[in-house]
């Protein structure tokens, strides 16, 4: 309890360096030779030095803070991505300041001002609201994930390949009709690749198909309402056909699966479902949901590696800026589960998954 805090003066006396040299070790280590850096590092161990983080921030202006702006925490993809980003602290030592946006540009710009006021060293941007050109104008290291990225570095899933994988699996499941539900996302958004992959496979194999472009909302209540309307429309239009539905993410796939279980007590033989993400909800659902797995831990790791590359360059005496943004593409992994394997229909689903089968009031099966 009475242990004396080791100061720069103590380290200088131990190493026979000046206090200025010791300060340079902490704030600008590249200015010292590797031999002198090692001497000081050894002294810190010998003296059991405990760093004063506040003092270092005040002295150097480097906070070791990284900002993160995500669209919301409702979607399981974003909450799992945040979880994986936070886990990179063990590797890189950066702390995170997180804001959840609400698709309002002026609000997210205020969030960004708050982050800059805390002197963040870099930014991970998952929200698509602020254009990359505007983000680049802030002159800080930035990495985007699954958003428009023309002017900033990014790490994205190969969404086109994911769309191809999902649609091909539904085709192999002998569906009479394949359906893709997604928001009407711009072509500059990585998620648009899912739409292109879906359409290309449908055309190549001449599959009867339907593309439903609709914003399903950012809450369970909105999702439930919009998907109920879509489900009612599909059942009226294609009552006896085997419908393979490619959902835009696992959260919405789970809501659709819940609606079918509430209506029929099981996943009927006339439905096959595949999501996109491989977020935890896909395997925790009432029956496990097939999905196109975005390798979320790997994306988070690559995003922090790319951001750290930029942040470390800025710490050099003569930093060399990137000639052009770096874009990394991570391949998706198709994960087959019960919702496309045909084991979850009325006769094949295990008893543990059965729910009493009651028809909806005022309606027919």
Protein backbone atom coordinates (compact mmCIF):
# COMPACT_ATOMS: atom_id res chain seq x y z
CA UNK A 1 0.00 0.00 0.00
CA UNK A 2 2.91 2.34 0.77
CA UNK A 3 4.88 1.39 -2.34
CA UNK A 4 6.49 4.45 -3.99
CA UNK A 5 5.38 5.16 -7.57
CA UNK A 6 8.30 4.90 -9.98
CA UNK A 7 8.86 8.17 -11.85
CA UNK A 8 10.67 9.13 -15.04
CA UNK A 9 13.44 10.48 -12.81
CA UNK A 10 13.86 7.05 -11.20
CA UNK A 11 14.08 5.38 -14.60
CA UNK A 12 16.57 8.01 -15.81
CA UNK A 13 18.77 7.45 -12.76
CA UNK A 14 18.67 3.66 -13.20
CA UNK A 15 19.51 3.76 -16.93
CA UNK A 16 21.80 6.84 -16.87
CA UNK A 17 19.64 8.39 -19.57
CA UNK A 18 18.08 11.85 -19.35
CA UNK A 19 14.43 12.31 -18.42
CA UNK A 20 13.91 13.64 -21.96
CA UNK A 21 15.15 10.34 -23.38
CA UNK A 22 12.82 8.41 -21.09
CA UNK A 23 9.92 10.60 -22.22
CA UNK A 24 10.82 9.91 -25.84
CA UNK A 25 10.68 6.18 -25.12
CA UNK A 26 7.03 6.46 -24.11
CA UNK A 27 5.90 9.07 -26.61
CA UNK A 28 8.11 8.58 -29.66
CA UNK A 29 10.01 5.27 -29.34
CA UNK A 30 11.08 5.28 -33.01
CA UNK A 31 13.36 8.21 -32.16
CA UNK A 32 15.55 5.90 -30.05
CA UNK A 33 17.82 3.08 -31.16
CA UNK A 34 16.55 -0.45 -30.60
CA UNK A 35 19.41 -0.98 -28.12
CA UNK A 36 18.36 2.00 -26.00
CA UNK A 37 14.69 1.00 -26.21
CA UNK A 38 15.62 -2.41 -24.84
CA UNK A 39 17.68 -0.90 -21.98
CA UNK A 40 14.72 1.21 -20.90
CA UNK A 41 12.28 -1.72 -21.27
CA UNK A 42 14.52 -3.85 -19.04
CA UNK A 43 14.65 -1.03 -16.47
CA UNK A 44 10.84 -0.86 -16.37
CA UNK A 45 10.72 -4.54 -15.47
CA UNK A 46 13.47 -4.23 -12.87
CA UNK A 47 11.81 -1.22 -11.22
CA UNK A 48 8.29 -2.73 -11.45
CA UNK A 49 7.09 0.39 -13.21
CA UNK A 50 3.30 0.96 -13.26
CA UNK A 51 2.32 3.29 -16.05
CA UNK A 52 0.25 6.39 -15.30
CA UNK A 53 -2.19 6.28 -18.20
CA UNK A 54 -3.64 9.73 -17.55
CA UNK A 55 -0.21 11.29 -17.42
CA UNK A 56 0.78 9.59 -20.65
CA UNK A 57 -2.35 10.82 -22.42
CA UNK A 58 -1.71 14.38 -21.27
CA UNK A 59 1.91 14.20 -22.32
CA UNK A 60 1.53 12.53 -25.71
CA UNK A 61 -2.06 13.26 -26.75
CA UNK A 62 -2.45 9.56 -27.59
CA UNK A 63 -5.44 8.05 -25.86
CA UNK A 64 -5.40 4.45 -27.15
CA UNK A 65 -9.13 4.97 -27.79
CA UNK A 66 -10.85 3.66 -30.91
CA UNK A 67 -14.33 4.87 -31.77
CA UNK A 68 -17.06 2.56 -33.05
CA UNK A 69 -20.36 3.65 -34.59
CA UNK A 70 -22.85 0.87 -35.30
CA UNK A 71 -26.40 1.22 -36.64
CA UNK A 72 -28.08 -0.54 -33.70
CA UNK A 73 -27.72 -3.34 -31.16
CA UNK A 74 -30.98 -5.05 -32.13
CA UNK A 75 -29.53 -6.84 -35.13
CA UNK A 76 -27.56 -9.82 -33.88
CA UNK A 77 -24.84 -9.28 -36.49
CA UNK A 78 -23.93 -5.89 -35.05
CA UNK A 79 -23.97 -7.01 -31.43
CA UNK A 80 -21.76 -9.99 -32.25
CA UNK A 81 -19.39 -7.84 -34.32
CA UNK A 82 -19.08 -5.43 -31.39
CA UNK A 83 -18.38 -8.36 -29.09
CA UNK A 84 -15.57 -9.54 -31.37
CA UNK A 85 -14.11 -6.04 -31.75
CA UNK A 86 -13.97 -5.63 -27.97
CA UNK A 87 -12.18 -8.97 -27.75
CA UNK A 88 -9.27 -7.57 -29.79
CA UNK A 89 -8.12 -5.58 -26.72
CA UNK A 90 -6.01 -8.57 -25.70
CA UNK A 91 -4.11 -8.34 -28.99
CA UNK A 92 -3.89 -4.61 -29.68
CA UNK A 93 -4.50 -2.91 -26.33
CA UNK A 94 -6.98 -0.35 -27.67
CA UNK A 95 -10.07 0.65 -25.70
CA UNK A 96 -13.37 1.38 -27.42
CA UNK A 97 -15.88 4.22 -27.27
CA UNK A 98 -19.11 2.98 -28.82
CA UNK A 99 -22.16 4.80 -30.18
CA UNK A 100 -25.23 3.10 -31.61
CA UNK A 101 -26.67 5.28 -34.38
CA UNK A 102 -30.27 5.53 -35.51
CA UNK A 103 -29.86 6.21 -39.25
CA UNK A 104 -30.01 9.98 -38.70
CA UNK A 105 -27.05 11.68 -40.32
CA UNK A 106 -27.05 14.74 -38.07
CA UNK A 107 -27.13 12.58 -34.93
CA UNK A 108 -24.28 10.39 -36.11
CA UNK A 109 -22.24 13.45 -37.05
CA UNK A 110 -22.69 14.62 -33.47
CA UNK A 111 -21.50 11.22 -32.26
CA UNK A 112 -18.43 11.60 -34.44
CA UNK A 113 -17.71 15.04 -32.98
CA UNK A 114 -17.93 13.55 -29.50
CA UNK A 115 -15.46 10.83 -30.44
CA UNK A 116 -13.04 13.33 -31.95
CA UNK A 117 -13.29 15.42 -28.78
CA UNK A 118 -11.97 12.38 -26.91
CA UNK A 119 -9.03 12.36 -29.34
CA UNK A 120 -9.71 8.87 -30.67
CA UNK A 121 -6.81 7.40 -32.61
CA UNK A 122 -9.00 5.57 -35.11
CA UNK A 123 -12.59 4.74 -36.04
CA UNK A 124 -14.46 1.55 -36.95
CA UNK A 125 -17.57 2.50 -38.91
CA UNK A 126 -20.40 0.02 -39.46
CA UNK A 127 -23.19 2.55 -39.86
CA UNK A 128 -23.79 3.46 -43.53
CA UNK A 129 -25.35 6.87 -42.87
CA UNK A 130 -22.32 9.16 -43.30
CA UNK A 131 -20.75 8.90 -46.80
CA UNK A 132 -17.17 7.68 -46.96
CA UNK A 133 -16.07 10.92 -48.65
CA UNK A 134 -17.17 12.89 -45.60
CA UNK A 135 -15.55 10.39 -43.23
CA UNK A 136 -12.25 10.64 -45.12
CA UNK A 137 -12.29 14.42 -44.66
CA UNK A 138 -11.75 13.99 -40.90
CA UNK A 139 -8.19 12.84 -41.58
CA UNK A 140 -8.12 10.02 -39.03
CA UNK A 141 -7.55 6.28 -39.60
CA UNK A 142 -10.90 4.69 -40.46
CA UNK A 143 -12.02 1.18 -41.40
CA UNK A 144 -15.55 0.50 -42.63
CA UNK A 145 -17.33 -2.82 -42.25
CA UNK A 146 -20.22 -3.76 -44.57
CA UNK A 147 -20.89 -0.22 -45.78
CA UNK A 148 -20.08 2.05 -48.72
CA UNK A 149 -16.29 2.39 -48.70
CA UNK A 150 -15.05 4.22 -51.78
CA UNK A 151 -12.93 6.74 -49.81
CA UNK A 152 -11.99 4.68 -46.71
CA UNK A 153 -10.37 1.34 -45.95
CA UNK A 154 -12.73 -1.55 -45.37
CA UNK A 155 -13.19 -5.21 -44.51
CA UNK A 156 -16.25 -6.86 -46.03
CA UNK A 157 -17.68 -10.29 -46.68
CA UNK A 158 -17.85 -11.48 -50.28
CA UNK A 159 -21.58 -10.79 -50.36
CA UNK A 160 -21.99 -11.83 -54.00
CA UNK A 161 -20.56 -15.27 -53.23
CA UNK A 162 -22.85 -15.46 -50.20
CA UNK A 163 -25.87 -14.73 -52.40
CA UNK A 164 -24.77 -17.45 -54.80
CA UNK A 165 -24.29 -19.95 -51.97
CA UNK A 166 -27.67 -19.25 -50.37
CA UNK A 167 -29.63 -19.42 -53.63
CA UNK A 168 -27.80 -22.56 -54.79
CA UNK A 169 -28.66 -24.33 -51.54
CA UNK A 170 -32.35 -23.48 -51.96
CA UNK A 171 -32.20 -24.73 -55.55
CA UNK A 172 -30.71 -28.04 -54.34
CA UNK A 173 -33.52 -28.26 -51.77
CA UNK A 174 -35.97 -28.73 -54.69
CA UNK A 175 -37.90 -25.54 -54.01
CA UNK A 176 -40.63 -24.66 -56.51
CA UNK A 177 -39.96 -20.98 -55.96
CA UNK A 178 -36.99 -19.11 -54.48
CA UNK A 179 -37.50 -15.76 -52.80
CA UNK A 180 -35.04 -13.18 -51.59
CA UNK A 181 -36.16 -10.50 -49.12
CA UNK A 182 -33.87 -7.51 -48.66
CA UNK A 183 -33.90 -3.75 -48.33
CA UNK A 184 -33.50 -1.75 -51.52
CA UNK A 185 -29.83 -1.14 -50.79
CA UNK A 186 -27.68 1.00 -53.13
CA UNK A 187 -25.29 -0.76 -55.50
CA UNK A 188 -22.38 0.86 -53.64
CA UNK A 189 -23.31 -1.08 -50.50
CA UNK A 190 -21.64 -4.50 -50.08
CA UNK A 191 -25.01 -6.11 -49.20
CA UNK A 192 -26.20 -5.41 -52.74
CA UNK A 193 -23.95 -8.29 -53.78
CA UNK A 194 -26.41 -10.68 -52.13
CA UNK A 195 -29.13 -9.46 -54.48
CA UNK A 196 -26.89 -9.83 -57.53
CA UNK A 197 -25.81 -13.32 -56.50
CA UNK A 198 -29.44 -14.35 -56.01
CA UNK A 199 -30.56 -13.02 -59.39
CA UNK A 200 -27.60 -14.50 -61.28
CA UNK A 201 -28.25 -18.02 -59.97
CA UNK A 202 -31.97 -17.70 -60.68
CA UNK A 203 -31.24 -16.69 -64.26
CA UNK A 204 -28.53 -19.29 -64.78
CA UNK A 205 -30.76 -22.16 -63.68
CA UNK A 206 -34.03 -20.57 -64.85
CA UNK A 207 -35.46 -20.77 -61.36
CA UNK A 208 -38.91 -19.32 -60.67
CA UNK A 209 -38.11 -16.51 -58.29
CA UNK A 210 -39.36 -13.43 -56.52
CA UNK A 211 -37.30 -10.49 -55.24
CA UNK A 212 -38.95 -8.54 -52.44
CA UNK A 213 -37.23 -5.24 -51.68
CA UNK A 214 -38.64 -3.83 -48.46
CA UNK A 215 -37.24 -2.17 -45.35
CA UNK A 216 -38.24 -4.48 -42.50
CA UNK A 217 -37.37 -1.97 -39.77
CA UNK A 218 -34.98 -2.04 -36.83
CA UNK A 219 -37.18 -3.48 -34.08
CA UNK A 220 -38.91 -6.79 -33.43
CA UNK A 221 -42.34 -5.18 -33.69
CA UNK A 222 -41.56 -3.69 -37.11
CA UNK A 223 -40.01 -6.94 -38.32
CA UNK A 224 -43.00 -8.95 -37.16
CA UNK A 225 -45.51 -6.66 -38.85
CA UNK A 226 -43.74 -6.48 -42.21
CA UNK A 227 -42.89 -10.18 -42.34
CA UNK A 228 -46.46 -11.14 -41.39
CA UNK A 229 -47.70 -9.10 -44.36
CA UNK A 230 -45.15 -10.75 -46.67
CA UNK A 231 -45.99 -14.22 -45.33
CA UNK A 232 -49.72 -13.67 -45.85
CA UNK A 233 -49.10 -12.51 -49.41
CA UNK A 234 -46.89 -15.51 -50.24
CA UNK A 235 -49.42 -17.97 -48.86
CA UNK A 236 -52.21 -16.43 -50.89
CA UNK A 237 -50.12 -16.32 -54.06
CA UNK A 238 -48.27 -19.65 -53.74
CA UNK A 239 -50.31 -21.78 -51.28
CA UNK A 240 -49.08 -25.26 -52.28
CA UNK A 241 -45.64 -24.45 -53.64
CA UNK A 242 -42.43 -25.25 -51.80
CA UNK A 243 -40.98 -21.84 -51.07
CA UNK A 244 -37.28 -21.31 -50.41
CA UNK A 245 -36.72 -17.98 -48.66
CA UNK A 246 -33.31 -16.29 -48.54
CA UNK A 247 -33.46 -13.74 -45.72
CA UNK A 248 -31.09 -10.73 -45.51
CA UNK A 249 -29.78 -11.66 -42.06
CA UNK A 250 -30.23 -14.16 -39.24
CA UNK A 251 -32.29 -11.80 -37.07
CA UNK A 252 -35.00 -11.51 -39.72
CA UNK A 253 -34.72 -15.22 -40.54
CA UNK A 254 -35.45 -16.00 -36.90
CA UNK A 255 -38.48 -13.69 -36.84
CA UNK A 256 -39.85 -15.43 -39.94
CA UNK A 257 -39.23 -18.85 -38.40
CA UNK A 258 -41.05 -17.77 -35.22
CA UNK A 259 -44.04 -16.57 -37.25
CA UNK A 260 -44.28 -19.93 -39.00
CA UNK A 261 -44.06 -21.81 -35.71
CA UNK A 262 -46.74 -19.59 -34.18
CA UNK A 263 -48.96 -20.29 -37.16
CA UNK A 264 -48.32 -24.01 -37.75
CA UNK A 265 -46.49 -25.36 -34.71
CA UNK A 266 -43.54 -26.34 -36.90
CA UNK A 267 -41.66 -25.37 -40.03
CA UNK A 268 -44.00 -26.67 -42.76
CA UNK A 269 -42.69 -28.80 -45.61
CA UNK A 270 -43.65 -25.96 -47.95
CA UNK A 271 -40.92 -23.71 -46.52
CA UNK A 272 -37.14 -23.66 -46.51
CA UNK A 273 -35.26 -20.77 -44.88
CA UNK A 274 -31.68 -19.56 -45.02
CA UNK A 275 -30.28 -16.49 -43.28
CA UNK A 276 -27.07 -14.53 -43.57
CA UNK A 277 -24.47 -13.82 -40.82
CA UNK A 278 -24.02 -16.91 -38.66
CA UNK A 279 -24.68 -14.70 -35.66
CA UNK A 280 -25.53 -16.65 -32.44
CA UNK A 281 -29.30 -16.47 -33.02
CA UNK A 282 -28.98 -18.75 -36.06
CA UNK A 283 -27.97 -21.72 -33.92
CA UNK A 284 -30.02 -20.70 -30.87
CA UNK A 285 -33.36 -20.48 -32.73
CA UNK A 286 -36.25 -22.85 -32.06
CA UNK A 287 -34.64 -25.02 -34.72
CA UNK A 288 -31.16 -24.18 -36.01
CA UNK A 289 -31.27 -21.91 -39.06
CA UNK A 290 -29.17 -22.50 -42.17
CA UNK A 291 -27.07 -19.45 -42.92
CA UNK A 292 -24.32 -17.94 -44.99
CA UNK A 293 -21.64 -17.45 -42.38
CA UNK A 294 -19.87 -14.14 -42.32
CA UNK A 295 -16.66 -14.92 -40.48
CA UNK A 296 -17.33 -12.29 -37.84
CA UNK A 297 -14.30 -13.00 -35.59
CA UNK A 298 -12.01 -12.87 -38.62
CA UNK A 299 -13.62 -9.67 -39.94
CA UNK A 300 -13.15 -7.98 -36.54
CA UNK A 301 -9.54 -9.15 -36.36
CA UNK A 302 -8.75 -7.95 -39.90
CA UNK A 303 -10.50 -4.63 -39.30
CA UNK A 304 -8.41 -3.94 -36.19
CA UNK A 305 -5.22 -5.06 -37.96
CA UNK A 306 -5.95 -2.67 -40.83
CA UNK A 307 -6.82 0.17 -38.45
CA UNK A 308 -3.70 -0.45 -36.36
CA UNK A 309 -1.58 -0.35 -39.51
CA UNK A 310 -2.87 3.17 -40.18
CA UNK A 311 -2.61 4.31 -36.55
CA UNK A 312 0.97 3.07 -36.20
CA UNK A 313 1.98 4.87 -39.39
CA UNK A 314 0.65 8.16 -38.01
CA UNK A 315 2.87 7.78 -34.93
CA UNK A 316 6.06 7.81 -36.99
CA UNK A 317 8.16 10.95 -37.33
CA UNK A 318 7.55 10.98 -41.08
CA UNK A 319 4.29 9.11 -41.71
CA UNK A 320 3.57 7.96 -45.24
CA UNK A 321 -0.18 8.06 -45.96
CA UNK A 322 -1.82 5.28 -47.94
CA UNK A 323 -1.85 5.91 -51.67
CA UNK A 324 -5.37 4.46 -51.85
CA UNK A 325 -7.81 2.82 -49.43
CA UNK A 326 -7.20 -0.86 -48.71
CA UNK A 327 -10.21 -3.16 -49.18
CA UNK A 328 -10.14 -6.68 -47.77
CA UNK A 329 -12.72 -9.28 -48.78
CA UNK A 330 -13.45 -12.24 -46.49
CA UNK A 331 -15.03 -15.35 -48.05
CA UNK A 332 -18.34 -16.56 -46.57
CA UNK A 333 -18.92 -20.08 -45.28
CA UNK A 334 -22.19 -21.88 -46.08
CA UNK A 335 -23.65 -23.54 -42.98
CA UNK A 336 -26.44 -26.07 -43.52
CA UNK A 337 -28.85 -26.62 -40.66
CA UNK A 338 -32.41 -27.84 -40.09
CA UNK A 339 -34.29 -25.12 -41.97
CA UNK A 340 -33.03 -26.30 -45.37
CA UNK A 341 -32.38 -29.97 -44.70
CA UNK A 342 -36.01 -31.02 -44.76
CA UNK A 343 -35.96 -32.62 -41.29
CA UNK A 344 -38.16 -30.03 -39.62
CA UNK A 345 -41.50 -30.59 -41.31
CA UNK A 346 -44.64 -31.86 -39.60
CA UNK A 347 -43.56 -35.49 -39.71
CA UNK A 348 -39.78 -35.14 -39.47
CA UNK A 349 -39.18 -32.63 -36.70
CA UNK A 350 -38.04 -34.14 -33.39
CA UNK A 351 -40.62 -34.15 -30.59
CA UNK A 352 -38.51 -31.70 -28.60
CA UNK A 353 -39.14 -29.09 -31.29
CA UNK A 354 -42.90 -29.64 -31.60
CA UNK A 355 -45.32 -26.90 -30.68
CA UNK A 356 -49.09 -27.58 -30.42
CA UNK A 357 -50.45 -27.13 -33.92
CA UNK A 358 -53.34 -24.67 -33.92
CA UNK A 359 -54.56 -22.90 -37.07
CA UNK A 360 -54.70 -19.10 -36.92
CA UNK A 361 -58.05 -17.64 -35.93
CA UNK A 362 -60.22 -16.75 -38.86
CA UNK A 363 -57.84 -18.34 -41.36
CA UNK A 364 -56.90 -21.61 -43.00
CA UNK A 365 -53.70 -23.56 -43.23
